[in-house]
Amino acid sequence: MAASETRTRVLVAIPGVILALGAIYLGGWFLAALLALCAALTARETYRMAARKGPRPLEVPGMAGAALVVLAMGITPTAGLSSPVPAWTLLLLTVVVAAAAIWARGVEGEPLLSVAVTVFGAGYAALLGFGLFLRHLPGVRDPLHASAILLAPVLLTWVSDTFAYFGGRALGRHKLIPKVSPGKTVEGALSAVVGTLLAGAAYSLFMERFNTYVPTVAEGAFFGLLVSVAAQAGDLAESLWKRDVGVKDSGTLLPGHGGALDRFDSLLFTLPLGYAFFTLFVGQW
């Protein structure tokens, strides 16, 4: 990577990281608003990639729907999946988009594909809203504790990406799935798994300063393994779509980083995984 490109990536990343950390610490509607914006932008890029293959998603309703589902998750975030509001919001979006397609697409505009891609894109992007559920787990009132829980899958996703990149560059000999992502290697993938497993174990030791939702070292290591597998699956899923439509990046929103979907592809898998891990596997004990 050229020095100028690295500098651009860093300069773009710094304010984004500061904004994200501030929203995570504050939680509530601050975090909901940021995640809703990210979901809308992610949906937009999904629609624009899909449009290159023929389907014409209803972009504006879909973007609004993605944001509204996330905001619906922010109404009672401590309820998590027990809250029916996000699901009802997505169902309402389906009905609205199906009705809008009657006039906006008609028979000639491939209405079935248009509605299907619109609803899928909104629901997929809205998976970012699981960050709200993680930040507001029941019984967690300390903002530092809540932030540490949400940052667990976020930081481990970053660790996985980092180990995959440097492990692949140093050791990579065998292509992982060359037809989907030619640059990824088996060695890079294994480096990511091992590195994230160790990082998960270390993060569990950091979590011992809190009273609840504290994984053991073994649980932390297992979580790291799961995060790495999920993160790589999310990255490969997006690579598959980009290969299908013939683009290098999902968008140009972030200089040096690509688009929103390029940045959040792994988190769309690891945030729901983190919620499942802390609520079902670790719990409050």
C-alpha atoms as a PDB file:
ATOM      1  CA  MET A   1       0.000   0.000   0.000  1.00  0.00           C
ATOM      2  CA  ALA A   2       1.437   3.378  -1.029  1.00  0.00           C
ATOM      3  CA  ALA A   3       2.346   5.863   1.700  1.00  0.00           C
ATOM      4  CA  SER A   4      -0.118   8.429   0.337  1.00  0.00           C
ATOM      5  CA  GLU A   5      -2.952   5.887   0.399  1.00  0.00           C
ATOM      6  CA  THR A   6      -2.086   4.879   3.953  1.00  0.00           C
ATOM      7  CA  ARG A   7      -2.095   8.540   4.997  1.00  0.00           C
ATOM      8  CA  THR A   8      -5.509   9.053   3.408  1.00  0.00           C
ATOM      9  CA  ARG A   9      -6.916   5.991   5.156  1.00  0.00           C
ATOM     10  CA  VAL A  10      -5.628   7.184   8.531  1.00  0.00           C
ATOM     11  CA  LEU A  11      -6.896  10.746   8.096  1.00  0.00           C
ATOM     12  CA  VAL A  12     -10.349   9.459   7.174  1.00  0.00           C
ATOM     13  CA  ALA A  13     -10.391   6.836   9.927  1.00  0.00           C
ATOM     14  CA  ILE A  14      -9.436   9.082  12.865  1.00  0.00           C
ATOM     15  CA  PRO A  15     -12.572  11.295  12.951  1.00  0.00           C
ATOM     16  CA  GLY A  16     -14.727   8.248  12.240  1.00  0.00           C
ATOM     17  CA  VAL A  17     -13.254   6.355  15.191  1.00  0.00           C
ATOM     18  CA  ILE A  18     -13.679   9.362  17.494  1.00  0.00           C
ATOM     19  CA  LEU A  19     -17.305   9.789  16.433  1.00  0.00           C
ATOM     20  CA  ALA A  20     -18.016   6.081  16.854  1.00  0.00           C
ATOM     21  CA  LEU A  21     -16.427   5.898  20.313  1.00  0.00           C
ATOM     22  CA  GLY A  22     -18.360   8.957  21.466  1.00  0.00           C
ATOM     23  CA  ALA A  23     -21.666   7.517  20.232  1.00  0.00           C
ATOM     24  CA  ILE A  24     -20.914   4.146  21.824  1.00  0.00           C
ATOM     25  CA  TYR A  25     -20.164   5.746  25.199  1.00  0.00           C
ATOM     26  CA  LEU A  26     -23.264   7.951  25.109  1.00  0.00           C
ATOM     27  CA  GLY A  27     -25.499   5.174  23.768  1.00  0.00           C
ATOM     28  CA  GLY A  28     -29.223   5.777  23.440  1.00  0.00           C
ATOM     29  CA  TRP A  29     -30.424   7.946  20.598  1.00  0.00           C
ATOM     30  CA  PHE A  30     -26.909   9.198  19.839  1.00  0.00           C
ATOM     31  CA  LEU A  31     -25.827   5.672  18.938  1.00  0.00           C
ATOM     32  CA  ALA A  32     -29.170   4.910  17.297  1.00  0.00           C
ATOM     33  CA  ALA A  33     -28.868   7.948  15.017  1.00  0.00           C
ATOM     34  CA  LEU A  34     -25.329   7.028  13.951  1.00  0.00           C
ATOM     35  CA  LEU A  35     -26.228   3.396  13.287  1.00  0.00           C
ATOM     36  CA  ALA A  36     -29.369   4.430  11.414  1.00  0.00           C
ATOM     37  CA  LEU A  37     -27.291   6.673   9.145  1.00  0.00           C
ATOM     38  CA  CYS A  38     -24.766   3.882   8.569  1.00  0.00           C
ATOM     39  CA  ALA A  39     -27.581   1.443   7.787  1.00  0.00           C
ATOM     40  CA  ALA A  40     -29.137   3.829   5.258  1.00  0.00           C
ATOM     41  CA  LEU A  41     -25.795   4.333   3.499  1.00  0.00           C
ATOM     42  CA  THR A  42     -25.110   0.593   3.510  1.00  0.00           C
ATOM     43  CA  ALA A  43     -28.528  -0.116   2.001  1.00  0.00           C
ATOM     44  CA  ARG A  44     -27.930   2.540  -0.663  1.00  0.00           C
ATOM     45  CA  GLU A  45     -24.711   0.880  -1.796  1.00  0.00           C
ATOM     46  CA  THR A  46     -26.359  -2.539  -1.823  1.00  0.00           C
ATOM     47  CA  TYR A  47     -29.095  -1.172  -4.084  1.00  0.00           C
ATOM     48  CA  ARG A  48     -26.655   0.485  -6.447  1.00  0.00           C
ATOM     49  CA  MET A  49     -24.639  -2.698  -6.816  1.00  0.00           C
ATOM     50  CA  ALA A  50     -27.818  -4.701  -7.430  1.00  0.00           C
ATOM     51  CA  ALA A  51     -28.939  -2.179 -10.066  1.00  0.00           C
ATOM     52  CA  ARG A  52     -25.888  -3.081 -12.152  1.00  0.00           C
ATOM     53  CA  LYS A  53     -27.416  -6.536 -12.655  1.00  0.00           C
ATOM     54  CA  GLY A  54     -30.833  -5.341 -13.771  1.00  0.00           C
ATOM     55  CA  PRO A  55     -33.123  -5.076 -10.704  1.00  0.00           C
ATOM     56  CA  ARG A  56     -34.145  -1.518  -9.876  1.00  0.00           C
ATOM     57  CA  PRO A  57     -34.631  -1.309  -6.105  1.00  0.00           C
ATOM     58  CA  LEU A  58     -36.755   1.448  -4.632  1.00  0.00           C
ATOM     59  CA  GLU A  59     -33.743   3.237  -3.196  1.00  0.00           C
ATOM     60  CA  VAL A  60     -35.267   6.031  -1.118  1.00  0.00           C
ATOM     61  CA  PRO A  61     -37.948   3.911   0.622  1.00  0.00           C
ATOM     62  CA  GLY A  62     -35.359   1.195   1.205  1.00  0.00           C
ATOM     63  CA  MET A  63     -32.835   3.559   2.757  1.00  0.00           C
ATOM     64  CA  ALA A  64     -35.543   5.091   4.924  1.00  0.00           C
ATOM     65  CA  GLY A  65     -36.719   1.619   5.907  1.00  0.00           C
ATOM     66  CA  ALA A  66     -33.222   0.530   6.960  1.00  0.00           C
ATOM     67  CA  ALA A  67     -32.854   3.628   9.127  1.00  0.00           C
ATOM     68  CA  LEU A  68     -36.337   3.223  10.624  1.00  0.00           C
ATOM     69  CA  VAL A  69     -35.728  -0.414  11.580  1.00  0.00           C
ATOM     70  CA  VAL A  70     -32.576   0.645  13.455  1.00  0.00           C
ATOM     71  CA  LEU A  71     -34.402   3.526  15.128  1.00  0.00           C
ATOM     72  CA  ALA A  72     -37.172   1.087  16.085  1.00  0.00           C
ATOM     73  CA  MET A  73     -34.500  -1.046  17.763  1.00  0.00           C
ATOM     74  CA  GLY A  74     -33.547   2.053  19.732  1.00  0.00           C
ATOM     75  CA  ILE A  75     -37.001   2.550  21.258  1.00  0.00           C
ATOM     76  CA  THR A  76     -36.522  -0.182  23.875  1.00  0.00           C
ATOM     77  CA  PRO A  77     -32.994  -1.502  23.265  1.00  0.00           C
ATOM     78  CA  THR A  78     -32.849  -3.367  26.585  1.00  0.00           C
ATOM     79  CA  ALA A  79     -35.694  -5.592  25.333  1.00  0.00           C
ATOM     80  CA  GLY A  80     -33.503  -6.849  22.501  1.00  0.00           C
ATOM     81  CA  LEU A  81     -35.204  -9.352  20.246  1.00  0.00           C
ATOM     82  CA  SER A  82     -38.182  -9.454  22.612  1.00  0.00           C
ATOM     83  CA  SER A  83     -39.348  -6.129  21.203  1.00  0.00           C
ATOM     84  CA  PRO A  84     -41.759  -6.600  18.277  1.00  0.00           C
ATOM     85  CA  VAL A  85     -41.323  -3.061  16.948  1.00  0.00           C
ATOM     86  CA  PRO A  86     -38.317  -3.665  14.616  1.00  0.00           C
ATOM     87  CA  ALA A  87     -39.946  -6.724  13.040  1.00  0.00           C
ATOM     88  CA  TRP A  88     -43.220  -4.870  12.541  1.00  0.00           C
ATOM     89  CA  THR A  89     -41.319  -1.970  11.006  1.00  0.00           C
ATOM     90  CA  LEU A  90     -39.705  -4.306   8.483  1.00  0.00           C
ATOM     91  CA  LEU A  91     -43.070  -5.893   7.717  1.00  0.00           C
ATOM     92  CA  LEU A  92     -44.590  -2.448   7.200  1.00  0.00           C
ATOM     93  CA  LEU A  93     -41.736  -1.584   4.845  1.00  0.00           C
ATOM     94  CA  THR A  94     -42.492  -4.726   2.830  1.00  0.00           C
ATOM     95  CA  VAL A  95     -46.125  -3.722   2.406  1.00  0.00           C
ATOM     96  CA  VAL A  96     -45.269  -0.100   1.547  1.00  0.00           C
ATOM     97  CA  VAL A  97     -42.628  -1.089  -0.999  1.00  0.00           C
ATOM     98  CA  ALA A  98     -44.902  -3.698  -2.589  1.00  0.00           C
ATOM     99  CA  ALA A  99     -47.639  -1.088  -2.964  1.00  0.00           C
ATOM    100  CA  ALA A 100     -45.228   1.562  -4.262  1.00  0.00           C
ATOM    101  CA  ALA A 101     -43.926  -0.838  -6.908  1.00  0.00           C
ATOM    102  CA  ILE A 102     -47.373  -0.880  -8.530  1.00  0.00           C
ATOM    103  CA  TRP A 103     -46.872   2.695  -9.701  1.00  0.00           C
ATOM    104  CA  ALA A 104     -43.098   3.081  -9.551  1.00  0.00           C
ATOM    105  CA  ARG A 105     -42.169  -0.101 -11.438  1.00  0.00           C
ATOM    106  CA  GLY A 106     -45.206  -1.608 -13.090  1.00  0.00           C
ATOM    107  CA  VAL A 107     -45.088  -4.867 -15.025  1.00  0.00           C
ATOM    108  CA  GLU A 108     -42.123  -3.833 -17.181  1.00  0.00           C
ATOM    109  CA  GLY A 109     -39.932  -2.787 -14.233  1.00  0.00           C
ATOM    110  CA  GLU A 110     -39.421  -6.302 -12.815  1.00  0.00           C
ATOM    111  CA  PRO A 111     -41.488  -5.495  -9.717  1.00  0.00           C
ATOM    112  CA  LEU A 112     -40.847  -8.802  -7.929  1.00  0.00           C
ATOM    113  CA  LEU A 113     -37.065  -8.390  -8.110  1.00  0.00           C
ATOM    114  CA  SER A 114     -37.385  -4.720  -7.247  1.00  0.00           C
ATOM    115  CA  VAL A 115     -39.395  -5.370  -4.072  1.00  0.00           C
ATOM    116  CA  ALA A 116     -37.278  -8.379  -3.030  1.00  0.00           C
ATOM    117  CA  VAL A 117     -33.974  -6.513  -3.349  1.00  0.00           C
ATOM    118  CA  THR A 118     -35.367  -3.426  -1.616  1.00  0.00           C
ATOM    119  CA  VAL A 119     -36.613  -5.340   1.426  1.00  0.00           C
ATOM    120  CA  PHE A 120     -33.503  -7.534   1.606  1.00  0.00           C
ATOM    121  CA  GLY A 121     -31.171  -4.539   1.393  1.00  0.00           C
ATOM    122  CA  ALA A 122     -32.999  -2.725   4.195  1.00  0.00           C
ATOM    123  CA  GLY A 123     -33.134  -5.755   6.480  1.00  0.00           C
ATOM    124  CA  TYR A 124     -29.508  -6.672   5.830  1.00  0.00           C
ATOM    125  CA  ALA A 125     -28.227  -3.158   6.542  1.00  0.00           C
ATOM    126  CA  ALA A 126     -30.399  -2.924   9.674  1.00  0.00           C
ATOM    127  CA  LEU A 127     -28.366  -5.750  11.248  1.00  0.00           C
ATOM    128  CA  LEU A 128     -26.078  -2.929  12.392  1.00  0.00           C
ATOM    129  CA  GLY A 129     -28.825  -2.153  14.915  1.00  0.00           C
ATOM    130  CA  PHE A 130     -27.689  -5.125  16.979  1.00  0.00           C
ATOM    131  CA  GLY A 131     -25.029  -2.730  18.221  1.00  0.00           C
ATOM    132  CA  LEU A 132     -27.825  -1.000  20.156  1.00  0.00           C
ATOM    133  CA  PHE A 133     -28.914  -4.262  21.761  1.00  0.00           C
ATOM    134  CA  LEU A 134     -25.326  -4.971  22.808  1.00  0.00           C
ATOM    135  CA  ARG A 135     -24.791  -1.471  24.185  1.00  0.00           C
ATOM    136  CA  HIS A 136     -27.969  -1.708  26.285  1.00  0.00           C
ATOM    137  CA  LEU A 137     -27.965  -5.236  27.674  1.00  0.00           C
ATOM    138  CA  PRO A 138     -30.296  -5.602  30.670  1.00  0.00           C
ATOM    139  CA  GLY A 139     -28.696  -4.740  34.005  1.00  0.00           C
ATOM    140  CA  VAL A 140     -25.729  -2.804  32.567  1.00  0.00           C
ATOM    141  CA  ARG A 141     -25.807   0.834  33.668  1.00  0.00           C
ATOM    142  CA  ASP A 142     -22.131   1.749  33.680  1.00  0.00           C
ATOM    143  CA  PRO A 143     -21.361   3.349  30.274  1.00  0.00           C
ATOM    144  CA  LEU A 144     -17.809   1.992  30.372  1.00  0.00           C
ATOM    145  CA  HIS A 145     -19.073  -1.547  30.969  1.00  0.00           C
ATOM    146  CA  ALA A 146     -21.702  -1.185  28.239  1.00  0.00           C
ATOM    147  CA  SER A 147     -19.110   0.213  25.840  1.00  0.00           C
ATOM    148  CA  ALA A 148     -16.730  -2.658  26.592  1.00  0.00           C
ATOM    149  CA  ILE A 149     -19.435  -5.186  25.711  1.00  0.00           C
ATOM    150  CA  LEU A 150     -20.245  -3.540  22.382  1.00  0.00           C
ATOM    151  CA  LEU A 151     -16.571  -3.058  21.556  1.00  0.00           C
ATOM    152  CA  ALA A 152     -15.876  -6.784  22.038  1.00  0.00           C
ATOM    153  CA  PRO A 153     -17.119  -7.890  18.591  1.00  0.00           C
ATOM    154  CA  VAL A 154     -16.023  -4.595  17.015  1.00  0.00           C
ATOM    155  CA  LEU A 155     -12.412  -4.824  18.187  1.00  0.00           C
ATOM    156  CA  LEU A 156     -12.179  -8.560  17.538  1.00  0.00           C
ATOM    157  CA  THR A 157     -13.456  -7.994  14.010  1.00  0.00           C
ATOM    158  CA  TRP A 158     -10.671  -5.468  13.505  1.00  0.00           C
ATOM    159  CA  VAL A 159      -8.132  -7.927  14.961  1.00  0.00           C
ATOM    160  CA  SER A 160      -9.351 -10.627  12.573  1.00  0.00           C
ATOM    161  CA  ASP A 161      -9.043  -8.324   9.561  1.00  0.00           C
ATOM    162  CA  THR A 162      -5.569  -7.218  10.656  1.00  0.00           C
ATOM    163  CA  PHE A 163      -4.229 -10.728  11.198  1.00  0.00           C
ATOM    164  CA  ALA A 164      -5.768 -11.897   7.920  1.00  0.00           C
ATOM    165  CA  TYR A 165      -4.042  -9.079   6.037  1.00  0.00           C
ATOM    166  CA  PHE A 166      -0.592  -9.368   7.558  1.00  0.00           C
ATOM    167  CA  GLY A 167      -0.721 -13.153   7.886  1.00  0.00           C
ATOM    168  CA  GLY A 168      -1.687 -13.447   4.252  1.00  0.00           C
ATOM    169  CA  ARG A 169       1.097 -11.117   3.135  1.00  0.00           C
ATOM    170  CA  ALA A 170       3.759 -12.894   5.184  1.00  0.00           C
ATOM    171  CA  LEU A 171       2.689 -16.514   4.839  1.00  0.00           C
ATOM    172  CA  GLY A 172       0.110 -16.676   2.081  1.00  0.00           C
ATOM    173  CA  ARG A 173       0.716 -19.449  -0.421  1.00  0.00           C
ATOM    174  CA  HIS A 174      -2.631 -21.124  -1.032  1.00  0.00           C
ATOM    175  CA  LYS A 175      -5.688 -19.249  -2.314  1.00  0.00           C
ATOM    176  CA  LEU A 176      -8.761 -19.534  -0.117  1.00  0.00           C
ATOM    177  CA  ILE A 177     -11.588 -19.032  -2.643  1.00  0.00           C
ATOM    178  CA  PRO A 178      -9.925 -17.447  -5.701  1.00  0.00           C
ATOM    179  CA  LYS A 179     -13.130 -17.107  -7.722  1.00  0.00           C
ATOM    180  CA  VAL A 180     -14.684 -14.998  -4.956  1.00  0.00           C
ATOM    181  CA  SER A 181     -11.720 -13.095  -3.516  1.00  0.00           C
ATOM    182  CA  PRO A 182      -8.374 -13.731  -5.266  1.00  0.00           C
ATOM    183  CA  GLY A 183      -6.342 -11.909  -2.615  1.00  0.00           C
ATOM    184  CA  LYS A 184      -7.405 -14.052   0.347  1.00  0.00           C
ATOM    185  CA  THR A 185      -5.315 -17.057   1.324  1.00  0.00           C
ATOM    186  CA  VAL A 186      -5.743 -20.073   3.566  1.00  0.00           C
ATOM    187  CA  GLU A 187      -2.773 -18.943   5.625  1.00  0.00           C
ATOM    188  CA  GLY A 188      -4.280 -15.496   6.075  1.00  0.00           C
ATOM    189  CA  ALA A 189      -7.595 -16.980   7.179  1.00  0.00           C
ATOM    190  CA  LEU A 190      -5.902 -19.274   9.694  1.00  0.00           C
ATOM    191  CA  SER A 191      -3.770 -16.400  10.992  1.00  0.00           C
ATOM    192  CA  ALA A 192      -6.967 -14.429  11.563  1.00  0.00           C
ATOM    193  CA  VAL A 193      -8.585 -17.275  13.483  1.00  0.00           C
ATOM    194  CA  VAL A 194      -5.558 -17.859  15.715  1.00  0.00           C
ATOM    195  CA  GLY A 195      -4.929 -14.160  16.332  1.00  0.00           C
ATOM    196  CA  THR A 196      -8.564 -13.402  17.145  1.00  0.00           C
ATOM    197  CA  LEU A 197      -8.839 -16.448  19.403  1.00  0.00           C
ATOM    198  CA  LEU A 198      -5.923 -15.156  21.465  1.00  0.00           C
ATOM    199  CA  ALA A 199      -7.305 -11.614  21.434  1.00  0.00           C
ATOM    200  CA  GLY A 200     -10.682 -12.920  22.643  1.00  0.00           C
ATOM    201  CA  ALA A 201      -8.999 -14.657  25.562  1.00  0.00           C
ATOM    202  CA  ALA A 202      -7.105 -11.466  26.429  1.00  0.00           C
ATOM    203  CA  TYR A 203     -10.271  -9.376  26.187  1.00  0.00           C
ATOM    204  CA  SER A 204     -12.009 -11.663  28.668  1.00  0.00           C
ATOM    205  CA  LEU A 205      -9.280 -10.815  31.201  1.00  0.00           C
ATOM    206  CA  PHE A 206      -9.975  -7.122  30.620  1.00  0.00           C
ATOM    207  CA  MET A 207     -13.705  -7.742  31.208  1.00  0.00           C
ATOM    208  CA  GLU A 208     -12.983  -9.177  34.681  1.00  0.00           C
ATOM    209  CA  ARG A 209     -13.082  -5.645  36.124  1.00  0.00           C
ATOM    210  CA  PHE A 210     -16.868  -5.669  35.661  1.00  0.00           C
ATOM    211  CA  ASN A 211     -19.503  -7.593  37.612  1.00  0.00           C
ATOM    212  CA  THR A 212     -21.741  -9.035  34.915  1.00  0.00           C
ATOM    213  CA  TYR A 213     -21.492 -10.403  31.374  1.00  0.00           C
ATOM    214  CA  VAL A 214     -17.923 -11.522  32.043  1.00  0.00           C
ATOM    215  CA  PRO A 215     -16.761 -14.406  29.833  1.00  0.00           C
ATOM    216  CA  THR A 216     -14.171 -16.842  31.102  1.00  0.00           C
ATOM    217  CA  VAL A 217     -10.859 -17.072  29.276  1.00  0.00           C
ATOM    218  CA  ALA A 218     -12.073 -20.184  27.468  1.00  0.00           C
ATOM    219  CA  GLU A 219     -15.335 -18.465  26.513  1.00  0.00           C
ATOM    220  CA  GLY A 220     -13.430 -15.404  25.335  1.00  0.00           C
ATOM    221  CA  ALA A 221     -11.174 -17.541  23.170  1.00  0.00           C
ATOM    222  CA  PHE A 222     -14.178 -19.361  21.728  1.00  0.00           C
ATOM    223  CA  PHE A 223     -15.871 -16.048  21.019  1.00  0.00           C
ATOM    224  CA  GLY A 224     -12.749 -14.818  19.249  1.00  0.00           C
ATOM    225  CA  LEU A 225     -12.789 -17.902  17.057  1.00  0.00           C
ATOM    226  CA  LEU A 226     -16.472 -17.399  16.213  1.00  0.00           C
ATOM    227  CA  VAL A 227     -15.968 -13.700  15.470  1.00  0.00           C
ATOM    228  CA  SER A 228     -13.100 -14.411  13.088  1.00  0.00           C
ATOM    229  CA  VAL A 229     -15.106 -17.016  11.175  1.00  0.00           C
ATOM    230  CA  ALA A 230     -18.155 -14.715  11.022  1.00  0.00           C
ATOM    231  CA  ALA A 231     -16.087 -11.671  10.043  1.00  0.00           C
ATOM    232  CA  GLN A 232     -14.424 -13.530   7.202  1.00  0.00           C
ATOM    233  CA  ALA A 233     -17.787 -14.900   6.053  1.00  0.00           C
ATOM    234  CA  GLY A 234     -19.219 -11.370   5.967  1.00  0.00           C
ATOM    235  CA  ASP A 235     -16.238 -10.108   4.010  1.00  0.00           C
ATOM    236  CA  LEU A 236     -16.446 -12.994   1.537  1.00  0.00           C
ATOM    237  CA  ALA A 237     -20.197 -12.479   1.085  1.00  0.00           C
ATOM    238  CA  GLU A 238     -19.602  -8.888   0.035  1.00  0.00           C
ATOM    239  CA  SER A 239     -16.672  -9.931  -2.160  1.00  0.00           C
ATOM    240  CA  LEU A 240     -18.995 -12.395  -3.890  1.00  0.00           C
ATOM    241  CA  TRP A 241     -21.511  -9.635  -4.643  1.00  0.00           C
ATOM    242  CA  LYS A 242     -18.831  -7.248  -5.874  1.00  0.00           C
ATOM    243  CA  ARG A 243     -17.377  -9.957  -8.103  1.00  0.00           C
ATOM    244  CA  ASP A 244     -20.874 -10.665  -9.413  1.00  0.00           C
ATOM    245  CA  VAL A 245     -21.498  -7.052 -10.437  1.00  0.00           C
ATOM    246  CA  GLY A 246     -17.919  -6.281 -11.470  1.00  0.00           C
ATOM    247  CA  VAL A 247     -16.873  -3.563  -9.001  1.00  0.00           C
ATOM    248  CA  LYS A 248     -13.803  -3.203  -6.801  1.00  0.00           C
ATOM    249  CA  ASP A 249     -15.513  -1.291  -3.979  1.00  0.00           C
ATOM    250  CA  SER A 250     -19.149  -0.984  -2.961  1.00  0.00           C
ATOM    251  CA  GLY A 251     -18.855   2.809  -3.127  1.00  0.00           C
ATOM    252  CA  THR A 252     -16.569   5.812  -2.850  1.00  0.00           C
ATOM    253  CA  LEU A 253     -17.986   7.371   0.307  1.00  0.00           C
ATOM    254  CA  LEU A 254     -14.789   7.007   2.345  1.00  0.00           C
ATOM    255  CA  PRO A 255     -11.541   7.866   0.492  1.00  0.00           C
ATOM    256  CA  GLY A 256      -9.034   5.071   0.922  1.00  0.00           C
ATOM    257  CA  HIS A 257     -11.633   2.788   2.487  1.00  0.00           C
ATOM    258  CA  GLY A 258     -14.260   2.342  -0.225  1.00  0.00           C
ATOM    259  CA  GLY A 259     -17.918   2.508   0.706  1.00  0.00           C
ATOM    260  CA  ALA A 260     -20.022   1.992   3.797  1.00  0.00           C
ATOM    261  CA  LEU A 261     -20.671  -1.640   2.945  1.00  0.00           C
ATOM    262  CA  ASP A 262     -16.927  -2.200   2.556  1.00  0.00           C
ATOM    263  CA  ARG A 263     -16.457  -0.955   6.126  1.00  0.00           C
ATOM    264  CA  PHE A 264     -19.411  -2.717   7.735  1.00  0.00           C
ATOM    265  CA  ASP A 265     -19.586  -6.014   5.822  1.00  0.00           C
ATOM    266  CA  SER A 266     -18.031  -8.010   8.658  1.00  0.00           C
ATOM    267  CA  LEU A 267     -19.891  -6.164  11.439  1.00  0.00           C
ATOM    268  CA  LEU A 268     -23.198  -7.142   9.813  1.00  0.00           C
ATOM    269  CA  PHE A 269     -22.274 -10.692  10.823  1.00  0.00           C
ATOM    270  CA  THR A 270     -20.347 -10.145  14.049  1.00  0.00           C
ATOM    271  CA  LEU A 271     -22.706  -7.716  15.841  1.00  0.00           C
ATOM    272  CA  PRO A 272     -25.649 -10.189  15.844  1.00  0.00           C
ATOM    273  CA  LEU A 273     -23.177 -12.903  16.848  1.00  0.00           C
ATOM    274  CA  GLY A 274     -21.967 -10.749  19.748  1.00  0.00           C
ATOM    275  CA  TYR A 275     -25.530 -10.218  20.950  1.00  0.00           C
ATOM    276  CA  ALA A 276     -26.206 -13.959  20.834  1.00  0.00           C
ATOM    277  CA  PHE A 277     -22.951 -14.693  22.675  1.00  0.00           C
ATOM    278  CA  PHE A 278     -23.461 -12.258  25.542  1.00  0.00           C
ATOM    279  CA  THR A 279     -27.159 -13.013  26.039  1.00  0.00           C
ATOM    280  CA  LEU A 280     -27.250 -16.773  25.511  1.00  0.00           C
ATOM    281  CA  PHE A 281     -23.732 -17.984  26.283  1.00  0.00           C
ATOM    282  CA  VAL A 282     -22.388 -15.595  28.932  1.00  0.00           C
ATOM    283  CA  GLY A 283     -25.414 -13.920  30.486  1.00  0.00           C
ATOM    284  CA  GLN A 284     -25.386 -11.824  33.645  1.00  0.00           C
ATOM    285  CA  TRP A 285     -23.647 -14.283  35.947  1.00  0.00           C
END
